[in-house]
């Protein structure tokens, strides 16, 4: 299982505590593979973008109009976290529904 997120993100830390065997991939340092991002965007659409982040609020209107995948590539903190990959399936966030789907 792979958790794509940020090592200093509280939500990602909670997920790592519950999933100690998972590997954390820090998206600022390592990024997310293109195929995973394409699959995530196809599955989650606009929900993949964290529009409540300080990074989003710091963008001007022109930047916000860019393609979401290229925006996330430029500003990894814009991705909603964590993005969890388990056996080829993707899960977004750390909600009760995600935890149930992961068998926790």
N, C-alpha and C. Protein backbone atom coordinates (compact mmCIF):
# COMPACT_ATOMS: atom_id res chain seq x y z
N UNK A 1 0.85 -1.16 0.00
CA UNK A 1 0.00 0.00 0.00
C UNK A 1 0.90 1.23 0.00
N UNK A 2 0.50 2.22 -0.79
CA UNK A 2 1.27 3.46 -0.90
C UNK A 2 0.36 4.62 -0.52
N UNK A 3 0.88 5.51 0.31
CA UNK A 3 0.18 6.73 0.67
C UNK A 3 0.94 7.89 0.04
N UNK A 4 0.27 8.60 -0.86
CA UNK A 4 0.84 9.80 -1.46
C UNK A 4 0.36 10.98 -0.63
N UNK A 5 1.28 11.73 -0.07
CA UNK A 5 0.91 12.85 0.78
C UNK A 5 2.13 13.66 1.15
N UNK A 6 2.03 14.33 2.28
CA UNK A 6 3.13 15.13 2.80
C UNK A 6 3.50 14.62 4.19
N UNK A 7 4.80 14.53 4.45
CA UNK A 7 5.23 13.98 5.74
C UNK A 7 4.81 14.85 6.91
N UNK A 8 4.57 16.14 6.68
CA UNK A 8 4.17 17.02 7.77
C UNK A 8 2.66 17.31 7.79
N UNK A 9 1.89 16.57 7.03
CA UNK A 9 0.43 16.72 6.98
C UNK A 9 -0.19 15.89 8.10
N UNK A 10 -1.01 16.53 8.95
CA UNK A 10 -1.63 15.83 10.07
C UNK A 10 -2.49 14.65 9.61
N UNK A 11 -3.25 14.85 8.55
CA UNK A 11 -4.13 13.78 8.06
C UNK A 11 -3.30 12.60 7.54
N UNK A 12 -2.21 12.89 6.86
CA UNK A 12 -1.33 11.82 6.37
C UNK A 12 -0.69 11.07 7.54
N UNK A 13 -0.34 11.80 8.59
CA UNK A 13 0.24 11.16 9.77
C UNK A 13 -0.78 10.21 10.43
N UNK A 14 -2.03 10.64 10.49
CA UNK A 14 -3.08 9.77 11.05
C UNK A 14 -3.22 8.50 10.23
N UNK A 15 -3.19 8.66 8.91
CA UNK A 15 -3.30 7.49 8.03
C UNK A 15 -2.11 6.56 8.24
N UNK A 16 -0.91 7.12 8.37
CA UNK A 16 0.28 6.30 8.57
C UNK A 16 0.23 5.55 9.91
N UNK A 17 -0.34 6.16 10.94
CA UNK A 17 -0.47 5.48 12.23
C UNK A 17 -1.38 4.27 12.12
N UNK A 18 -2.45 4.41 11.35
CA UNK A 18 -3.41 3.32 11.18
C UNK A 18 -2.94 2.28 10.17
N UNK A 19 -2.04 2.68 9.29
CA UNK A 19 -1.53 1.79 8.24
C UNK A 19 -0.01 1.72 8.33
N UNK A 20 0.52 1.12 9.39
CA UNK A 20 1.97 1.16 9.60
C UNK A 20 2.79 0.45 8.52
N UNK A 21 2.18 -0.45 7.77
CA UNK A 21 2.92 -1.16 6.72
C UNK A 21 2.94 -0.39 5.41
N UNK A 22 2.21 0.71 5.36
CA UNK A 22 2.14 1.50 4.12
C UNK A 22 3.42 2.30 3.94
N UNK A 23 3.72 2.58 2.68
CA UNK A 23 4.88 3.39 2.33
C UNK A 23 4.40 4.80 2.05
N UNK A 24 4.97 5.80 2.71
CA UNK A 24 4.62 7.20 2.46
C UNK A 24 5.50 7.75 1.36
N UNK A 25 4.87 8.28 0.32
CA UNK A 25 5.59 8.96 -0.75
C UNK A 25 5.29 10.44 -0.59
N UNK A 26 6.31 11.22 -0.23
CA UNK A 26 6.14 12.66 -0.05
C UNK A 26 6.05 13.30 -1.43
N UNK A 27 4.89 13.86 -1.73
CA UNK A 27 4.65 14.38 -3.08
C UNK A 27 5.50 15.61 -3.40
N UNK A 28 5.95 16.31 -2.37
CA UNK A 28 6.84 17.46 -2.63
C UNK A 28 8.22 17.00 -3.09
N UNK A 29 8.68 15.89 -2.52
CA UNK A 29 10.02 15.40 -2.84
C UNK A 29 10.04 14.46 -4.03
N UNK A 30 9.05 13.55 -4.09
CA UNK A 30 9.08 12.49 -5.10
C UNK A 30 8.01 12.62 -6.17
N UNK A 31 6.97 13.39 -5.89
CA UNK A 31 5.88 13.51 -6.86
C UNK A 31 5.02 12.26 -6.89
N UNK A 32 4.04 12.28 -7.76
CA UNK A 32 3.14 11.15 -7.96
C UNK A 32 3.33 10.69 -9.40
N UNK A 33 3.51 9.38 -9.64
CA UNK A 33 3.67 8.91 -11.02
C UNK A 33 2.51 9.39 -11.91
N UNK A 34 2.82 9.72 -13.15
CA UNK A 34 1.81 10.25 -14.08
C UNK A 34 0.61 9.32 -14.23
N UNK A 35 0.86 8.01 -14.31
CA UNK A 35 -0.27 7.09 -14.50
C UNK A 35 -1.20 7.09 -13.28
N UNK A 36 -0.63 7.24 -12.09
CA UNK A 36 -1.44 7.30 -10.88
C UNK A 36 -2.25 8.60 -10.86
N UNK A 37 -1.62 9.70 -11.23
CA UNK A 37 -2.34 10.98 -11.26
C UNK A 37 -3.46 10.96 -12.29
N UNK A 38 -3.21 10.37 -13.45
CA UNK A 38 -4.25 10.27 -14.47
C UNK A 38 -5.43 9.44 -13.97
N UNK A 39 -5.13 8.32 -13.33
CA UNK A 39 -6.18 7.46 -12.78
C UNK A 39 -6.94 8.20 -11.68
N UNK A 40 -6.22 8.90 -10.81
CA UNK A 40 -6.86 9.63 -9.71
C UNK A 40 -7.76 10.73 -10.24
N UNK A 41 -7.31 11.46 -11.26
CA UNK A 41 -8.13 12.54 -11.81
C UNK A 41 -9.36 11.98 -12.51
N UNK A 42 -9.19 10.86 -13.20
CA UNK A 42 -10.34 10.22 -13.85
C UNK A 42 -11.36 9.75 -12.82
N UNK A 43 -10.88 9.28 -11.68
CA UNK A 43 -11.77 8.75 -10.64
C UNK A 43 -12.38 9.84 -9.78
N UNK A 44 -11.60 10.84 -9.39
CA UNK A 44 -12.06 11.83 -8.41
C UNK A 44 -12.36 13.20 -9.00
N UNK A 45 -11.87 13.48 -10.20
CA UNK A 45 -12.13 14.77 -10.84
C UNK A 45 -11.68 15.94 -10.00
N UNK A 46 -12.54 16.94 -9.89
CA UNK A 46 -12.20 18.18 -9.18
C UNK A 46 -11.94 17.95 -7.70
N UNK A 47 -12.43 16.86 -7.13
CA UNK A 47 -12.21 16.57 -5.70
C UNK A 47 -10.73 16.33 -5.41
N UNK A 48 -9.94 16.06 -6.44
CA UNK A 48 -8.50 15.83 -6.25
C UNK A 48 -7.78 17.11 -5.85
N UNK A 49 -8.37 18.25 -6.15
CA UNK A 49 -7.76 19.55 -5.87
C UNK A 49 -8.24 20.06 -4.51
N UNK A 50 -7.30 20.44 -3.67
CA UNK A 50 -7.63 20.98 -2.35
C UNK A 50 -7.76 22.50 -2.48
N UNK A 51 -8.98 22.97 -2.68
CA UNK A 51 -9.21 24.40 -2.87
C UNK A 51 -9.32 25.16 -1.55
N UNK A 52 -9.13 24.47 -0.44
CA UNK A 52 -9.14 25.14 0.86
C UNK A 52 -7.72 25.40 1.37
N UNK A 53 -6.72 25.01 0.60
CA UNK A 53 -5.33 25.14 1.06
C UNK A 53 -4.84 26.58 0.92
N UNK A 54 -3.82 26.89 1.70
CA UNK A 54 -3.20 28.21 1.60
C UNK A 54 -2.52 28.38 0.24
N UNK A 55 -2.04 27.28 -0.32
CA UNK A 55 -1.43 27.35 -1.65
C UNK A 55 -2.46 27.80 -2.67
N UNK A 56 -3.67 27.23 -2.63
CA UNK A 56 -4.74 27.61 -3.56
C UNK A 56 -5.11 29.08 -3.38
N UNK A 57 -5.24 29.52 -2.15
CA UNK A 57 -5.63 30.91 -1.89
C UNK A 57 -4.56 31.88 -2.36
N UNK A 58 -3.32 31.41 -2.45
CA UNK A 58 -2.23 32.27 -2.91
C UNK A 58 -2.13 32.38 -4.42
N UNK A 59 -2.89 31.57 -5.16
CA UNK A 59 -2.85 31.61 -6.62
C UNK A 59 -3.75 32.71 -7.15
N UNK A 60 -3.32 33.33 -8.24
CA UNK A 60 -4.19 34.32 -8.88
C UNK A 60 -5.22 33.61 -9.76
N UNK A 61 -6.18 34.36 -10.25
CA UNK A 61 -7.28 33.79 -11.03
C UNK A 61 -6.77 33.08 -12.29
N UNK A 62 -5.76 33.64 -12.92
CA UNK A 62 -5.20 33.03 -14.14
C UNK A 62 -4.60 31.65 -13.83
N UNK A 63 -3.87 31.55 -12.75
CA UNK A 63 -3.25 30.28 -12.37
C UNK A 63 -4.31 29.24 -12.03
N UNK A 64 -5.38 29.68 -11.38
CA UNK A 64 -6.45 28.75 -11.00
C UNK A 64 -7.17 28.15 -12.21
N UNK A 65 -7.07 28.80 -13.35
CA UNK A 65 -7.72 28.32 -14.57
C UNK A 65 -6.91 27.26 -15.30
N UNK A 66 -5.69 27.01 -14.87
CA UNK A 66 -4.84 26.02 -15.52
C UNK A 66 -5.41 24.61 -15.34
N UNK A 67 -4.90 23.71 -16.15
CA UNK A 67 -5.26 22.30 -16.05
C UNK A 67 -4.93 21.80 -14.64
N UNK A 68 -5.88 21.14 -13.97
CA UNK A 68 -5.64 20.70 -12.59
C UNK A 68 -4.39 19.81 -12.42
N UNK A 69 -4.15 18.92 -13.37
CA UNK A 69 -2.99 18.04 -13.22
C UNK A 69 -1.68 18.80 -13.32
N UNK A 70 -1.61 19.79 -14.20
CA UNK A 70 -0.37 20.57 -14.30
C UNK A 70 -0.22 21.47 -13.08
N UNK A 71 -1.33 21.97 -12.54
CA UNK A 71 -1.27 22.77 -11.31
C UNK A 71 -0.74 21.94 -10.15
N UNK A 72 -1.24 20.72 -10.01
CA UNK A 72 -0.78 19.84 -8.94
C UNK A 72 0.70 19.49 -9.14
N UNK A 73 1.11 19.31 -10.38
CA UNK A 73 2.53 19.02 -10.65
C UNK A 73 3.41 20.20 -10.23
N UNK A 74 2.93 21.42 -10.46
CA UNK A 74 3.69 22.62 -10.09
C UNK A 74 3.63 22.87 -8.58
N UNK A 75 2.48 22.59 -7.97
CA UNK A 75 2.25 22.85 -6.55
C UNK A 75 1.67 21.59 -5.89
N UNK A 76 2.52 20.64 -5.51
CA UNK A 76 2.04 19.37 -4.97
C UNK A 76 1.12 19.50 -3.76
N UNK A 77 1.26 20.58 -3.00
CA UNK A 77 0.40 20.76 -1.81
C UNK A 77 -1.05 21.02 -2.19
N UNK A 78 -1.33 21.24 -3.46
CA UNK A 78 -2.71 21.45 -3.91
C UNK A 78 -3.50 20.15 -3.97
N UNK A 79 -2.81 19.02 -3.96
CA UNK A 79 -3.51 17.73 -4.04
C UNK A 79 -4.16 17.42 -2.70
N UNK A 80 -5.42 17.02 -2.74
CA UNK A 80 -6.09 16.58 -1.51
C UNK A 80 -5.35 15.35 -1.01
N UNK A 81 -5.20 15.27 0.31
CA UNK A 81 -4.38 14.20 0.89
C UNK A 81 -5.16 13.46 1.96
N UNK A 82 -4.73 12.25 2.19
CA UNK A 82 -3.80 11.44 1.40
C UNK A 82 -4.50 10.79 0.21
N UNK A 83 -3.72 10.47 -0.79
CA UNK A 83 -4.15 9.65 -1.91
C UNK A 83 -3.54 8.27 -1.64
N UNK A 84 -4.39 7.28 -1.44
CA UNK A 84 -3.93 5.96 -1.04
C UNK A 84 -4.14 4.98 -2.18
N UNK A 85 -3.09 4.25 -2.51
CA UNK A 85 -3.17 3.21 -3.54
C UNK A 85 -3.03 1.85 -2.85
N UNK A 86 -4.05 1.02 -3.04
CA UNK A 86 -4.02 -0.34 -2.49
C UNK A 86 -4.49 -1.30 -3.56
N UNK A 87 -3.60 -2.19 -3.96
CA UNK A 87 -3.90 -3.22 -4.95
C UNK A 87 -4.54 -2.64 -6.21
N UNK A 88 -3.99 -1.54 -6.68
CA UNK A 88 -4.46 -0.92 -7.92
C UNK A 88 -5.68 -0.03 -7.77
N UNK A 89 -6.26 0.03 -6.57
CA UNK A 89 -7.41 0.89 -6.32
C UNK A 89 -6.96 2.14 -5.59
N UNK A 90 -7.62 3.26 -5.87
CA UNK A 90 -7.27 4.53 -5.25
C UNK A 90 -8.37 4.98 -4.29
N UNK A 91 -7.92 5.60 -3.20
CA UNK A 91 -8.81 6.17 -2.20
C UNK A 91 -8.31 7.57 -1.90
N UNK A 92 -9.23 8.52 -1.71
CA UNK A 92 -8.84 9.91 -1.50
C UNK A 92 -9.35 10.39 -0.15
N UNK A 93 -8.45 10.96 0.64
CA UNK A 93 -8.80 11.49 1.94
C UNK A 93 -8.70 10.43 3.03
N UNK A 94 -9.09 10.81 4.23
CA UNK A 94 -9.03 9.90 5.37
C UNK A 94 -10.36 9.96 6.12
N UNK A 95 -11.42 9.70 5.38
CA UNK A 95 -12.77 9.72 5.95
C UNK A 95 -13.11 8.34 6.51
N UNK A 96 -14.21 8.28 7.21
CA UNK A 96 -14.70 7.00 7.74
C UNK A 96 -14.95 6.02 6.60
N UNK A 97 -15.48 6.52 5.46
CA UNK A 97 -15.76 5.66 4.31
C UNK A 97 -14.46 5.07 3.75
N UNK A 98 -13.41 5.87 3.67
CA UNK A 98 -12.14 5.36 3.18
C UNK A 98 -11.58 4.32 4.15
N UNK A 99 -11.65 4.61 5.43
CA UNK A 99 -11.15 3.67 6.43
C UNK A 99 -11.91 2.35 6.36
N UNK A 100 -13.23 2.42 6.20
CA UNK A 100 -14.03 1.21 6.08
C UNK A 100 -13.66 0.43 4.82
N UNK A 101 -13.46 1.13 3.72
CA UNK A 101 -13.10 0.49 2.46
C UNK A 101 -11.75 -0.21 2.55
N UNK A 102 -10.86 0.34 3.39
CA UNK A 102 -9.54 -0.26 3.59
C UNK A 102 -9.57 -1.38 4.63
N UNK A 103 -10.73 -1.62 5.22
CA UNK A 103 -10.87 -2.70 6.19
C UNK A 103 -10.42 -2.36 7.59
N UNK A 104 -10.47 -1.09 7.96
CA UNK A 104 -10.05 -0.67 9.31
C UNK A 104 -11.23 -0.59 10.25
